[in-house]
Amino acid sequence: MDTSQLLKGVLDLAVLAVLRQEDGYGYDVLRRLRAGGLDEVGDASVYGTLRRLYNAGLLTSYVVPSEEGPHRKYYSLNEPGRERLAESGRTWRSFAHTLDDLLGVVA
């Protein structure tokens, strides 16, 4: 099964979940997603998702100076983002439950 298509459908949820735990900058979010098991997620996908979620009003951002290069733009979950995370989490769990039921019938 091509997991890249599945990943496209759940990347927003995964990014929101990672930022619920702790604020992060682009590469940090990417690293945490990969450490969590989403090995195939691409850099451009994560950066684009962060921009889109920010533009949708689900994230706030702030800049932190870095001693190792350019300043880093950190993203944090705001109240609308937490609400979207809760709503999307419920939708995901319901969808996964439905698929589990269907696969149980087939298996």
PDB file of N, CA and C in Angstrom:
ATOM      1  N   MET A   1       0.839  -1.179   0.000  1.00  0.00           N
ATOM      2  CA  MET A   1       0.000   0.000   0.000  1.00  0.00           C
ATOM      3  C   MET A   1       0.885   1.242   0.000  1.00  0.00           C
ATOM      4  N   ASP A   2       0.527   2.230  -0.795  1.00  0.00           N
ATOM      5  CA  ASP A   2       1.262   3.493  -0.885  1.00  0.00           C
ATOM      6  C   ASP A   2       0.868   4.376   0.289  1.00  0.00           C
ATOM      7  N   THR A   3       1.759   4.490   1.263  1.00  0.00           N
ATOM      8  CA  THR A   3       1.438   5.264   2.463  1.00  0.00           C
ATOM      9  C   THR A   3       1.499   6.772   2.232  1.00  0.00           C
ATOM     10  N   SER A   4       2.082   7.211   1.110  1.00  0.00           N
ATOM     11  CA  SER A   4       2.171   8.651   0.864  1.00  0.00           C
ATOM     12  C   SER A   4       0.786   9.275   0.733  1.00  0.00           C
ATOM     13  N   GLN A   5      -0.157   8.566   0.152  1.00  0.00           N
ATOM     14  CA  GLN A   5      -1.518   9.097   0.040  1.00  0.00           C
ATOM     15  C   GLN A   5      -2.201   9.154   1.402  1.00  0.00           C
ATOM     16  N   LEU A   6      -1.976   8.142   2.226  1.00  0.00           N
ATOM     17  CA  LEU A   6      -2.521   8.171   3.587  1.00  0.00           C
ATOM     18  C   LEU A   6      -1.935   9.332   4.372  1.00  0.00           C
ATOM     19  N   LEU A   7      -0.633   9.536   4.216  1.00  0.00           N
ATOM     20  CA  LEU A   7       0.060  10.591   4.938  1.00  0.00           C
ATOM     21  C   LEU A   7      -0.506  11.970   4.591  1.00  0.00           C
ATOM     22  N   LYS A   8      -0.811  12.187   3.325  1.00  0.00           N
ATOM     23  CA  LYS A   8      -1.387  13.474   2.914  1.00  0.00           C
ATOM     24  C   LYS A   8      -2.681  13.756   3.663  1.00  0.00           C
ATOM     25  N   GLY A   9      -3.459  12.716   3.918  1.00  0.00           N
ATOM     26  CA  GLY A   9      -4.745  12.900   4.575  1.00  0.00           C
ATOM     27  C   GLY A   9      -4.661  13.135   6.067  1.00  0.00           C
ATOM     28  N   VAL A  10      -3.529  12.772   6.673  1.00  0.00           N
ATOM     29  CA  VAL A  10      -3.430  12.888   8.131  1.00  0.00           C
ATOM     30  C   VAL A  10      -2.294  13.790   8.597  1.00  0.00           C
ATOM     31  N   LEU A  11      -1.591  14.440   7.680  1.00  0.00           N
ATOM     32  CA  LEU A  11      -0.447  15.250   8.083  1.00  0.00           C
ATOM     33  C   LEU A  11      -0.856  16.427   8.959  1.00  0.00           C
ATOM     34  N   ASP A  12      -1.977  17.072   8.656  1.00  0.00           N
ATOM     35  CA  ASP A  12      -2.449  18.165   9.512  1.00  0.00           C
ATOM     36  C   ASP A  12      -2.627  17.680  10.950  1.00  0.00           C
ATOM     37  N   LEU A  13      -3.288  16.561  11.094  1.00  0.00           N
ATOM     38  CA  LEU A  13      -3.537  15.994  12.423  1.00  0.00           C
ATOM     39  C   LEU A  13      -2.221  15.656  13.118  1.00  0.00           C
ATOM     40  N   ALA A  14      -1.298  15.061  12.395  1.00  0.00           N
ATOM     41  CA  ALA A  14      -0.013  14.680  12.986  1.00  0.00           C
ATOM     42  C   ALA A  14       0.780  15.911  13.430  1.00  0.00           C
ATOM     43  N   VAL A  15       0.802  16.953  12.616  1.00  0.00           N
ATOM     44  CA  VAL A  15       1.527  18.175  12.969  1.00  0.00           C
ATOM     45  C   VAL A  15       0.889  18.834  14.188  1.00  0.00           C
ATOM     46  N   LEU A  16      -0.432  18.917  14.206  1.00  0.00           N
ATOM     47  CA  LEU A  16      -1.116  19.497  15.370  1.00  0.00           C
ATOM     48  C   LEU A  16      -0.816  18.688  16.635  1.00  0.00           C
ATOM     49  N   ALA A  17      -0.790  17.366  16.504  1.00  0.00           N
ATOM     50  CA  ALA A  17      -0.517  16.512  17.662  1.00  0.00           C
ATOM     51  C   ALA A  17       0.898  16.730  18.185  1.00  0.00           C
ATOM     52  N   VAL A  18       1.865  16.855  17.288  1.00  0.00           N
ATOM     53  CA  VAL A  18       3.247  17.095  17.696  1.00  0.00           C
ATOM     54  C   VAL A  18       3.370  18.448  18.404  1.00  0.00           C
ATOM     55  N   LEU A  19       2.686  19.453  17.882  1.00  0.00           N
ATOM     56  CA  LEU A  19       2.776  20.785  18.487  1.00  0.00           C
ATOM     57  C   LEU A  19       1.979  20.892  19.785  1.00  0.00           C
ATOM     58  N   ARG A  20       1.063  19.984  20.006  1.00  0.00           N
ATOM     59  CA  ARG A  20       0.348  19.959  21.292  1.00  0.00           C
ATOM     60  C   ARG A  20       1.325  19.642  22.413  1.00  0.00           C
ATOM     61  N   GLN A  21       2.286  18.803  22.118  1.00  0.00           N
ATOM     62  CA  GLN A  21       3.264  18.377  23.118  1.00  0.00           C
ATOM     63  C   GLN A  21       4.245  19.494  23.457  1.00  0.00           C
ATOM     64  N   GLU A  22       4.687  20.224  22.433  1.00  0.00           N
ATOM     65  CA  GLU A  22       5.712  21.251  22.630  1.00  0.00           C
ATOM     66  C   GLU A  22       5.811  22.103  21.366  1.00  0.00           C
ATOM     67  N   ASP A  23       6.017  23.409  21.515  1.00  0.00           N
ATOM     68  CA  ASP A  23       6.231  24.284  20.367  1.00  0.00           C
ATOM     69  C   ASP A  23       7.420  23.767  19.570  1.00  0.00           C
ATOM     70  N   GLY A  24       7.457  24.110  18.290  1.00  0.00           N
ATOM     71  CA  GLY A  24       8.585  23.656  17.489  1.00  0.00           C
ATOM     72  C   GLY A  24       8.761  24.468  16.222  1.00  0.00           C
ATOM     73  N   TYR A  25       9.977  24.451  15.679  1.00  0.00           N
ATOM     74  CA  TYR A  25      10.275  25.072  14.387  1.00  0.00           C
ATOM     75  C   TYR A  25      10.217  23.980  13.324  1.00  0.00           C
ATOM     76  N   GLY A  26      10.265  24.366  12.077  1.00  0.00           N
ATOM     77  CA  GLY A  26      10.031  23.436  10.980  1.00  0.00           C
ATOM     78  C   GLY A  26      10.803  22.131  11.050  1.00  0.00           C
ATOM     79  N   TYR A  27      12.123  22.216  11.127  1.00  0.00           N
ATOM     80  CA  TYR A  27      12.916  20.983  11.131  1.00  0.00           C
ATOM     81  C   TYR A  27      12.658  20.162  12.393  1.00  0.00           C
ATOM     82  N   ASP A  28      12.416  20.835  13.510  1.00  0.00           N
ATOM     83  CA  ASP A  28      12.121  20.131  14.764  1.00  0.00           C
ATOM     84  C   ASP A  28      10.822  19.338  14.635  1.00  0.00           C
ATOM     85  N   VAL A  29       9.812  19.943  14.027  1.00  0.00           N
ATOM     86  CA  VAL A  29       8.537  19.239  13.821  1.00  0.00           C
ATOM     87  C   VAL A  29       8.758  18.034  12.916  1.00  0.00           C
ATOM     88  N   LEU A  30       9.510  18.221  11.847  1.00  0.00           N
ATOM     89  CA  LEU A  30       9.830  17.119  10.930  1.00  0.00           C
ATOM     90  C   LEU A  30      10.535  15.985  11.676  1.00  0.00           C
ATOM     91  N   ARG A  31      11.534  16.318  12.463  1.00  0.00           N
ATOM     92  CA  ARG A  31      12.290  15.321  13.220  1.00  0.00           C
ATOM     93  C   ARG A  31      11.380  14.563  14.180  1.00  0.00           C
ATOM     94  N   ARG A  32      10.491  15.258  14.861  1.00  0.00           N
ATOM     95  CA  ARG A  32       9.594  14.617  15.820  1.00  0.00           C
ATOM     96  C   ARG A  32       8.573  13.720  15.124  1.00  0.00           C
ATOM     97  N   LEU A  33       8.109  14.127  13.945  1.00  0.00           N
ATOM     98  CA  LEU A  33       7.196  13.268  13.182  1.00  0.00           C
ATOM     99  C   LEU A  33       7.900  11.981  12.770  1.00  0.00           C
ATOM    100  N   ARG A  34       9.120  12.113  12.287  1.00  0.00           N
ATOM    101  CA  ARG A  34       9.884  10.936  11.870  1.00  0.00           C
ATOM    102  C   ARG A  34      10.201  10.045  13.060  1.00  0.00           C
ATOM    103  N   ALA A  35      10.555  10.644  14.177  1.00  0.00           N
ATOM    104  CA  ALA A  35      10.840   9.865  15.387  1.00  0.00           C
ATOM    105  C   ALA A  35       9.589   9.138  15.871  1.00  0.00           C
ATOM    106  N   GLY A  36       8.424   9.710  15.572  1.00  0.00           N
ATOM    107  CA  GLY A  36       7.165   9.086  15.956  1.00  0.00           C
ATOM    108  C   GLY A  36       6.705   7.993  15.019  1.00  0.00           C
ATOM    109  N   GLY A  37       7.461   7.754  13.930  1.00  0.00           N
ATOM    110  CA  GLY A  37       7.122   6.663  13.026  1.00  0.00           C
ATOM    111  C   GLY A  37       6.704   7.088  11.628  1.00  0.00           C
ATOM    112  N   LEU A  38       6.598   8.384  11.378  1.00  0.00           N
ATOM    113  CA  LEU A  38       6.226   8.850  10.038  1.00  0.00           C
ATOM    114  C   LEU A  38       7.502   9.118   9.239  1.00  0.00           C
ATOM    115  N   ASP A  39       8.226   8.047   8.959  1.00  0.00           N
ATOM    116  CA  ASP A  39       9.534   8.134   8.306  1.00  0.00           C
ATOM    117  C   ASP A  39       9.477   8.729   6.904  1.00  0.00           C
ATOM    118  N   GLU A  40       8.364   8.571   6.225  1.00  0.00           N
ATOM    119  CA  GLU A  40       8.276   8.975   4.823  1.00  0.00           C
ATOM    120  C   GLU A  40       7.850  10.425   4.625  1.00  0.00           C
ATOM    121  N   VAL A  41       7.596  11.143   5.703  1.00  0.00           N
ATOM    122  CA  VAL A  41       7.142  12.520   5.560  1.00  0.00           C
ATOM    123  C   VAL A  41       8.291  13.373   5.005  1.00  0.00           C
ATOM    124  N   GLY A  42       7.950  14.208   4.025  1.00  0.00           N
ATOM    125  CA  GLY A  42       8.958  15.039   3.371  1.00  0.00           C
ATOM    126  C   GLY A  42       9.069  16.419   3.984  1.00  0.00           C
ATOM    127  N   ASP A  43      10.244  17.002   3.828  1.00  0.00           N
ATOM    128  CA  ASP A  43      10.503  18.341   4.364  1.00  0.00           C
ATOM    129  C   ASP A  43       9.482  19.345   3.843  1.00  0.00           C
ATOM    130  N   ALA A  44       9.320  19.386   2.524  1.00  0.00           N
ATOM    131  CA  ALA A  44       8.427  20.378   1.918  1.00  0.00           C
ATOM    132  C   ALA A  44       6.990  20.203   2.403  1.00  0.00           C
ATOM    133  N   SER A  45       6.573  18.961   2.616  1.00  0.00           N
ATOM    134  CA  SER A  45       5.212  18.708   3.094  1.00  0.00           C
ATOM    135  C   SER A  45       4.997  19.306   4.477  1.00  0.00           C
ATOM    136  N   VAL A  46       5.979  19.147   5.353  1.00  0.00           N
ATOM    137  CA  VAL A  46       5.849  19.669   6.715  1.00  0.00           C
ATOM    138  C   VAL A  46       5.861  21.188   6.709  1.00  0.00           C
ATOM    139  N   TYR A  47       6.797  21.797   5.983  1.00  0.00           N
ATOM    140  CA  TYR A  47       6.868  23.253   5.941  1.00  0.00           C
ATOM    141  C   TYR A  47       5.597  23.843   5.335  1.00  0.00           C
ATOM    142  N   GLY A  48       5.087  23.221   4.285  1.00  0.00           N
ATOM    143  CA  GLY A  48       3.840  23.686   3.675  1.00  0.00           C
ATOM    144  C   GLY A  48       2.656  23.539   4.612  1.00  0.00           C
ATOM    145  N   THR A  49       2.626  22.446   5.350  1.00  0.00           N
ATOM    146  CA  THR A  49       1.540  22.216   6.309  1.00  0.00           C
ATOM    147  C   THR A  49       1.592  23.248   7.430  1.00  0.00           C
ATOM    148  N   LEU A  50       2.780  23.537   7.945  1.00  0.00           N
ATOM    149  CA  LEU A  50       2.905  24.559   8.985  1.00  0.00           C
ATOM    150  C   LEU A  50       2.404  25.912   8.490  1.00  0.00           C
ATOM    151  N   ARG A  51       2.793  26.302   7.283  1.00  0.00           N
ATOM    152  CA  ARG A  51       2.333  27.583   6.722  1.00  0.00           C
ATOM    153  C   ARG A  51       0.819  27.596   6.559  1.00  0.00           C
ATOM    154  N   ARG A  52       0.272  26.500   6.046  1.00  0.00           N
ATOM    155  CA  ARG A  52      -1.168  26.438   5.824  1.00  0.00           C
ATOM    156  C   ARG A  52      -1.945  26.490   7.131  1.00  0.00           C
ATOM    157  N   LEU A  53      -1.490  25.744   8.147  1.00  0.00           N
ATOM    158  CA  LEU A  53      -2.162  25.753   9.446  1.00  0.00           C
ATOM    159  C   LEU A  53      -2.061  27.135  10.097  1.00  0.00           C
ATOM    160  N   TYR A  54      -0.907  27.780   9.926  1.00  0.00           N
ATOM    161  CA  TYR A  54      -0.728  29.135  10.457  1.00  0.00           C
ATOM    162  C   TYR A  54      -1.685  30.110   9.756  1.00  0.00           C
ATOM    163  N   ASN A  55      -1.733  30.046   8.431  1.00  0.00           N
ATOM    164  CA  ASN A  55      -2.610  30.934   7.662  1.00  0.00           C
ATOM    165  C   ASN A  55      -4.086  30.689   7.962  1.00  0.00           C
ATOM    166  N   ALA A  56      -4.416  29.470   8.376  1.00  0.00           N
ATOM    167  CA  ALA A  56      -5.800  29.138   8.734  1.00  0.00           C
ATOM    168  C   ALA A  56      -6.143  29.585  10.158  1.00  0.00           C
ATOM    169  N   GLY A  57      -5.160  30.150  10.865  1.00  0.00           N
ATOM    170  CA  GLY A  57      -5.413  30.637  12.213  1.00  0.00           C
ATOM    171  C   GLY A  57      -5.356  29.574  13.292  1.00  0.00           C
ATOM    172  N   LEU A  58      -4.760  28.415  12.988  1.00  0.00           N
ATOM    173  CA  LEU A  58      -4.699  27.319  13.952  1.00  0.00           C
ATOM    174  C   LEU A  58      -3.393  27.291  14.739  1.00  0.00           C
ATOM    175  N   LEU A  59      -2.422  28.075  14.297  1.00  0.00           N
ATOM    176  CA  LEU A  59      -1.125  28.154  14.965  1.00  0.00           C
ATOM    177  C   LEU A  59      -0.742  29.613  15.151  1.00  0.00           C
ATOM    178  N   THR A  60       0.055  29.869  16.162  1.00  0.00           N
ATOM    179  CA  THR A  60       0.717  31.159  16.298  1.00  0.00           C
ATOM    180  C   THR A  60       2.203  30.914  16.080  1.00  0.00           C
ATOM    181  N   SER A  61       2.947  31.978  15.861  1.00  0.00           N
ATOM    182  CA  SER A  61       4.386  31.804  15.650  1.00  0.00           C
ATOM    183  C   SER A  61       5.156  32.907  16.365  1.00  0.00           C
ATOM    184  N   TYR A  62       6.412  32.615  16.621  1.00  0.00           N
ATOM    185  CA  TYR A  62       7.324  33.589  17.200  1.00  0.00           C
ATOM    186  C   TYR A  62       8.741  33.217  16.770  1.00  0.00           C
ATOM    187  N   VAL A  63       9.603  34.204  16.755  1.00  0.00           N
ATOM    188  CA  VAL A  63      10.973  34.002  16.281  1.00  0.00           C
ATOM    189  C   VAL A  63      11.926  33.950  17.471  1.00  0.00           C
ATOM    190  N   VAL A  64      12.835  32.986  17.425  1.00  0.00           N
ATOM    191  CA  VAL A  64      13.837  32.820  18.465  1.00  0.00           C
ATOM    192  C   VAL A  64      15.214  32.906  17.805  1.00  0.00           C
ATOM    193  N   PRO A  65      16.077  33.802  18.312  1.00  0.00           N
ATOM    194  CA  PRO A  65      17.437  33.866  17.755  1.00  0.00           C
ATOM    195  C   PRO A  65      18.160  32.534  17.950  1.00  0.00           C
ATOM    196  N   SER A  66      18.973  32.191  16.978  1.00  0.00           N
ATOM    197  CA  SER A  66      19.744  30.949  17.049  1.00  0.00           C
ATOM    198  C   SER A  66      21.229  31.283  17.030  1.00  0.00           C
ATOM    199  N   GLU A  67      21.982  30.626  17.861  1.00  0.00           N
ATOM    200  CA  GLU A  67      23.432  30.820  17.884  1.00  0.00           C
ATOM    201  C   GLU A  67      24.106  30.033  16.771  1.00  0.00           C
ATOM    202  N   GLU A  68      23.372  29.143  16.123  1.00  0.00           N
ATOM    203  CA  GLU A  68      23.939  28.241  15.123  1.00  0.00           C
ATOM    204  C   GLU A  68      23.515  28.580  13.701  1.00  0.00           C
ATOM    205  N   GLY A  69      23.005  29.771  13.463  1.00  0.00           N
ATOM    206  CA  GLY A  69      22.565  30.120  12.121  1.00  0.00           C
ATOM    207  C   GLY A  69      21.430  31.122  12.171  1.00  0.00           C
ATOM    208  N   PRO A  70      20.564  31.066  11.170  1.00  0.00           N
ATOM    209  CA  PRO A  70      19.462  32.036  11.118  1.00  0.00           C
ATOM    210  C   PRO A  70      18.474  31.836  12.274  1.00  0.00           C
ATOM    211  N   HIS A  71      17.728  32.888  12.550  1.00  0.00           N
ATOM    212  CA  HIS A  71      16.691  32.807  13.573  1.00  0.00           C
ATOM    213  C   HIS A  71      15.705  31.711  13.196  1.00  0.00           C
ATOM    214  N   ARG A  72      15.078  31.124  14.213  1.00  0.00           N
ATOM    215  CA  ARG A  72      14.119  30.043  13.978  1.00  0.00           C
ATOM    216  C   ARG A  72      12.714  30.533  14.269  1.00  0.00           C
ATOM    217  N   LYS A  73      11.820  30.199  13.363  1.00  0.00           N
ATOM    218  CA  LYS A  73      10.404  30.533  13.543  1.00  0.00           C
ATOM    219  C   LYS A  73       9.728  29.349  14.215  1.00  0.00           C
ATOM    220  N   TYR A  74       9.297  29.547  15.438  1.00  0.00           N
ATOM    221  CA  TYR A  74       8.620  28.508  16.199  1.00  0.00           C
ATOM    222  C   TYR A  74       7.114  28.631  16.002  1.00  0.00           C
ATOM    223  N   TYR A  75       6.446  27.501  15.995  1.00  0.00           N
ATOM    224  CA  TYR A  75       4.993  27.448  15.896  1.00  0.00           C
ATOM    225  C   TYR A  75       4.432  26.854  17.177  1.00  0.00           C
ATOM    226  N   SER A  76       3.291  27.379  17.588  1.00  0.00           N
ATOM    227  CA  SER A  76       2.610  26.840  18.764  1.00  0.00           C
ATOM    228  C   SER A  76       1.122  26.713  18.463  1.00  0.00           C
ATOM    229  N   LEU A  77       0.520  25.773  19.145  1.00  0.00           N
ATOM    230  CA  LEU A  77      -0.910  25.515  19.000  1.00  0.00           C
ATOM    231  C   LEU A  77      -1.681  26.570  19.787  1.00  0.00           C
ATOM    232  N   ASN A  78      -2.664  27.201  19.153  1.00  0.00           N
ATOM    233  CA  ASN A  78      -3.528  28.142  19.856  1.00  0.00           C
ATOM    234  C   ASN A  78      -4.881  27.474  20.119  1.00  0.00           C
ATOM    235  N   GLU A  79      -5.813  28.202  20.672  1.00  0.00           N
ATOM    236  CA  GLU A  79      -7.104  27.591  21.024  1.00  0.00           C
ATOM    237  C   GLU A  79      -7.839  27.013  19.813  1.00  0.00           C
ATOM    238  N   PRO A  80      -7.964  27.759  18.698  1.00  0.00           N
ATOM    239  CA  PRO A  80      -8.594  27.144  17.518  1.00  0.00           C
ATOM    240  C   PRO A  80      -7.848  25.893  17.049  1.00  0.00           C
ATOM    241  N   GLY A  81      -6.522  25.884  17.171  1.00  0.00           N
ATOM    242  CA  GLY A  81      -5.743  24.707  16.804  1.00  0.00           C
ATOM    243  C   GLY A  81      -6.023  23.524  17.717  1.00  0.00           C
ATOM    244  N   ARG A  82      -6.162  23.801  19.013  1.00  0.00           N
ATOM    245  CA  ARG A  82      -6.499  22.719  19.953  1.00  0.00           C
ATOM    246  C   ARG A  82      -7.895  22.162  19.658  1.00  0.00           C
ATOM    247  N   GLU A  83      -8.820  23.057  19.314  1.00  0.00           N
ATOM    248  CA  GLU A  83     -10.170  22.597  18.957  1.00  0.00           C
ATOM    249  C   GLU A  83     -10.139  21.739  17.698  1.00  0.00           C
ATOM    250  N   ARG A  84      -9.369  22.162  16.687  1.00  0.00           N
ATOM    251  CA  ARG A  84      -9.260  21.381  15.446  1.00  0.00           C
ATOM    252  C   ARG A  84      -8.607  20.041  15.724  1.00  0.00           C
ATOM    253  N   LEU A  85      -7.595  20.021  16.585  1.00  0.00           N
ATOM    254  CA  LEU A  85      -6.931  18.772  16.947  1.00  0.00           C
ATOM    255  C   LEU A  85      -7.918  17.813  17.600  1.00  0.00           C
ATOM    256  N   ALA A  86      -8.721  18.301  18.528  1.00  0.00           N
ATOM    257  CA  ALA A  86      -9.702  17.447  19.199  1.00  0.00           C
ATOM    258  C   ALA A  86     -10.729  16.913  18.199  1.00  0.00           C
ATOM    259  N   GLU A  87     -11.221  17.799  17.335  1.00  0.00           N
ATOM    260  CA  GLU A  87     -12.218  17.397  16.333  1.00  0.00           C
ATOM    261  C   GLU A  87     -11.639  16.396  15.345  1.00  0.00           C
ATOM    262  N   SER A  88     -10.443  16.670  14.846  1.00  0.00           N
ATOM    263  CA  SER A  88      -9.803  15.771  13.882  1.00  0.00           C
ATOM    264  C   SER A  88      -9.438  14.442  14.528  1.00  0.00           C
ATOM    265  N   GLY A  89      -9.050  14.472  15.790  1.00  0.00           N
ATOM    266  CA  GLY A  89      -8.751  13.234  16.505  1.00  0.00           C
ATOM    267  C   GLY A  89      -9.980  12.348  16.625  1.00  0.00           C
ATOM    268  N   ARG A  90     -11.124  12.958  16.934  1.00  0.00           N
ATOM    269  CA  ARG A  90     -12.372  12.178  17.009  1.00  0.00           C
ATOM    270  C   ARG A  90     -12.716  11.586  15.644  1.00  0.00           C
ATOM    271  N   THR A  91     -12.569  12.381  14.597  1.00  0.00           N
ATOM    272  CA  THR A  91     -12.854  11.898  13.242  1.00  0.00           C
ATOM    273  C   THR A  91     -11.929  10.745  12.886  1.00  0.00           C
ATOM    274  N   TRP A  92     -10.635  10.886  13.189  1.00  0.00           N
ATOM    275  CA  TRP A  92      -9.673   9.828  12.893  1.00  0.00           C
ATOM    276  C   TRP A  92     -10.001   8.540  13.638  1.00  0.00           C
ATOM    277  N   ARG A  93     -10.295   8.653  14.922  1.00  0.00           N
ATOM    278  CA  ARG A  93     -10.599   7.449  15.713  1.00  0.00           C
ATOM    279  C   ARG A  93     -11.844   6.744  15.174  1.00  0.00           C
ATOM    280  N   SER A  94     -12.852   7.507  14.775  1.00  0.00           N
ATOM    281  CA  SER A  94     -14.062   6.921  14.222  1.00  0.00           C
ATOM    282  C   SER A  94     -13.764   6.218  12.894  1.00  0.00           C
ATOM    283  N   PHE A  95     -12.998   6.869  12.051  1.00  0.00           N
ATOM    284  CA  PHE A  95     -12.626   6.301  10.759  1.00  0.00           C
ATOM    285  C   PHE A  95     -11.793   5.033  10.938  1.00  0.00           C
ATOM    286  N   ALA A  96     -10.806   5.097  11.837  1.00  0.00           N
ATOM    287  CA  ALA A  96      -9.952   3.930  12.095  1.00  0.00           C
ATOM    288  C   ALA A  96     -10.775   2.772  12.656  1.00  0.00           C
ATOM    289  N   HIS A  97     -11.723   3.072  13.521  1.00  0.00           N
ATOM    290  CA  HIS A  97     -12.594   2.034  14.081  1.00  0.00           C
ATOM    291  C   HIS A  97     -13.409   1.365  12.972  1.00  0.00           C
ATOM    292  N   THR A  98     -13.942   2.182  12.067  1.00  0.00           N
ATOM    293  CA  THR A  98     -14.722   1.644  10.948  1.00  0.00           C
ATOM    294  C   THR A  98     -13.855   0.717  10.093  1.00  0.00           C
ATOM    295  N   LEU A  99     -12.634   1.154   9.787  1.00  0.00           N
ATOM    296  CA  LEU A  99     -11.739   0.315   8.981  1.00  0.00           C
ATOM    297  C   LEU A  99     -11.346  -0.955   9.723  1.00  0.00           C
ATOM    298  N   ASP A 100     -11.101  -0.839  11.030  1.00  0.00           N
ATOM    299  CA  ASP A 100     -10.796  -2.022  11.816  1.00  0.00           C
ATOM    300  C   ASP A 100     -11.938  -3.041  11.734  1.00  0.00           C
ATOM    301  N   ASP A 101     -13.159  -2.539  11.818  1.00  0.00           N
ATOM    302  CA  ASP A 101     -14.330  -3.427  11.707  1.00  0.00           C
ATOM    303  C   ASP A 101     -14.390  -4.089  10.331  1.00  0.00           C
ATOM    304  N   LEU A 102     -14.161  -3.289   9.295  1.00  0.00           N
ATOM    305  CA  LEU A 102     -14.208  -3.839   7.938  1.00  0.00           C
ATOM    306  C   LEU A 102     -13.085  -4.870   7.729  1.00  0.00           C
ATOM    307  N   LEU A 103     -11.913  -4.575   8.187  1.00  0.00           N
ATOM    308  CA  LEU A 103     -10.807  -5.510   8.030  1.00  0.00           C
ATOM    309  C   LEU A 103     -11.025  -6.781   8.838  1.00  0.00           C
ATOM    310  N   GLY A 104     -11.698  -6.664   9.956  1.00  0.00           N
ATOM    311  CA  GLY A 104     -12.019  -7.842  10.763  1.00  0.00           C
ATOM    312  C   GLY A 104     -12.943  -8.775  10.029  1.00  0.00           C
ATOM    313  N   VAL A 105     -13.859  -8.217   9.235  1.00  0.00           N
ATOM    314  CA  VAL A 105     -14.779  -9.025   8.447  1.00  0.00           C
ATOM    315  C   VAL A 105     -14.052  -9.708   7.317  1.00  0.00           C
ATOM    316  N   VAL A 106     -13.090  -9.038   6.708  1.00  0.00           N
ATOM    317  CA  VAL A 106     -12.355  -9.546   5.549  1.00  0.00           C
ATOM    318  C   VAL A 106     -11.300 -10.555   5.987  1.00  0.00           C
ATOM    319  N   ALA A 107     -10.646 -10.301   7.093  1.00  0.00           N
ATOM    320  CA  ALA A 107      -9.503 -11.131   7.514  1.00  0.00           C
ATOM    321  C   ALA A 107      -9.881 -12.528   7.881  1.00  0.00           C
TER     322      ALA A 107
END
